[in-house]
C-alpha atoms as a PDB file:
ATOM      1  CA  UNK A   1     -18.219  -2.600  16.877  1.00  0.00           C
ATOM      2  CA  UNK A   2     -16.749  -5.995  17.776  1.00  0.00           C
ATOM      3  CA  UNK A   3     -14.584  -6.001  14.655  1.00  0.00           C
ATOM      4  CA  UNK A   4     -13.220  -2.543  15.467  1.00  0.00           C
ATOM      5  CA  UNK A   5     -12.484  -3.709  19.039  1.00  0.00           C
ATOM      6  CA  UNK A   6     -10.565  -6.726  17.750  1.00  0.00           C
ATOM      7  CA  UNK A   7      -8.699  -4.633  15.180  1.00  0.00           C
ATOM      8  CA  UNK A   8      -7.759  -2.103  17.875  1.00  0.00           C
ATOM      9  CA  UNK A   9      -5.906  -4.896  19.687  1.00  0.00           C
ATOM     10  CA  UNK A  10      -3.507  -5.324  16.762  1.00  0.00           C
ATOM     11  CA  UNK A  11      -0.221  -3.612  17.566  1.00  0.00           C
ATOM     12  CA  UNK A  12       0.439  -2.506  13.985  1.00  0.00           C
ATOM     13  CA  UNK A  13      -2.849  -0.609  13.624  1.00  0.00           C
ATOM     14  CA  UNK A  14      -3.839   2.713  15.147  1.00  0.00           C
ATOM     15  CA  UNK A  15      -7.536   3.041  15.959  1.00  0.00           C
ATOM     16  CA  UNK A  16      -7.611   6.714  14.945  1.00  0.00           C
ATOM     17  CA  UNK A  17      -5.813   5.925  11.702  1.00  0.00           C
ATOM     18  CA  UNK A  18      -8.319   3.161  10.942  1.00  0.00           C
ATOM     19  CA  UNK A  19     -11.214   5.552  11.649  1.00  0.00           C
ATOM     20  CA  UNK A  20      -9.762   8.170   9.289  1.00  0.00           C
ATOM     21  CA  UNK A  21      -9.299   5.597   6.527  1.00  0.00           C
ATOM     22  CA  UNK A  22     -12.848   4.284   6.922  1.00  0.00           C
ATOM     23  CA  UNK A  23     -14.222   7.830   6.898  1.00  0.00           C
ATOM     24  CA  UNK A  24     -12.195   8.690   3.812  1.00  0.00           C
ATOM     25  CA  UNK A  25     -13.595   5.713   1.914  1.00  0.00           C
ATOM     26  CA  UNK A  26     -17.132   6.180   3.312  1.00  0.00           C
ATOM     27  CA  UNK A  27     -17.939   3.125   1.214  1.00  0.00           C
ATOM     28  CA  UNK A  28     -19.166  -0.141   2.720  1.00  0.00           C
ATOM     29  CA  UNK A  29     -17.412  -2.202   0.062  1.00  0.00           C
ATOM     30  CA  UNK A  30     -14.105  -0.432   0.669  1.00  0.00           C
ATOM     31  CA  UNK A  31     -14.528  -0.892   4.421  1.00  0.00           C
ATOM     32  CA  UNK A  32     -15.108  -4.631   3.989  1.00  0.00           C
ATOM     33  CA  UNK A  33     -12.050  -4.824   1.732  1.00  0.00           C
ATOM     34  CA  UNK A  34      -9.939  -3.003   4.325  1.00  0.00           C
ATOM     35  CA  UNK A  35     -11.126  -5.348   7.089  1.00  0.00           C
ATOM     36  CA  UNK A  36     -10.438  -8.376   4.876  1.00  0.00           C
ATOM     37  CA  UNK A  37      -6.893  -7.173   4.142  1.00  0.00           C
ATOM     38  CA  UNK A  38      -6.364  -6.511   7.850  1.00  0.00           C
ATOM     39  CA  UNK A  39      -7.516 -10.024   8.750  1.00  0.00           C
ATOM     40  CA  UNK A  40      -5.234 -11.527   6.093  1.00  0.00           C
ATOM     41  CA  UNK A  41      -2.294  -9.500   7.393  1.00  0.00           C
ATOM     42  CA  UNK A  42      -3.088 -10.659  10.936  1.00  0.00           C
ATOM     43  CA  UNK A  43      -3.182 -14.331   9.946  1.00  0.00           C
ATOM     44  CA  UNK A  44      -0.004 -13.995   7.873  1.00  0.00           C
ATOM     45  CA  UNK A  45       1.859 -12.557  10.863  1.00  0.00           C
ATOM     46  CA  UNK A  46       0.496 -15.058  13.413  1.00  0.00           C
ATOM     47  CA  UNK A  47       0.480 -18.344  11.462  1.00  0.00           C
ATOM     48  CA  UNK A  48       4.297 -18.684  11.189  1.00  0.00           C
ATOM     49  CA  UNK A  49       4.591 -18.257  14.962  1.00  0.00           C
ATOM     50  CA  UNK A  50       1.921 -20.865  15.712  1.00  0.00           C
ATOM     51  CA  UNK A  51       3.199 -23.475  13.245  1.00  0.00           C
ATOM     52  CA  UNK A  52       6.487 -23.802  15.122  1.00  0.00           C
END
């Protein structure tokens, strides 16, 4: 639940869209992969701003 709350704060992700994707996969491994990709995308977009 905490992960979904954090993800919902990202501006480029819709909570409903994320729920639909997770339901479509209905696979724990796919869900973990999706969360991992989301985290990577978040760090990639925030690191350049913090380094300067």
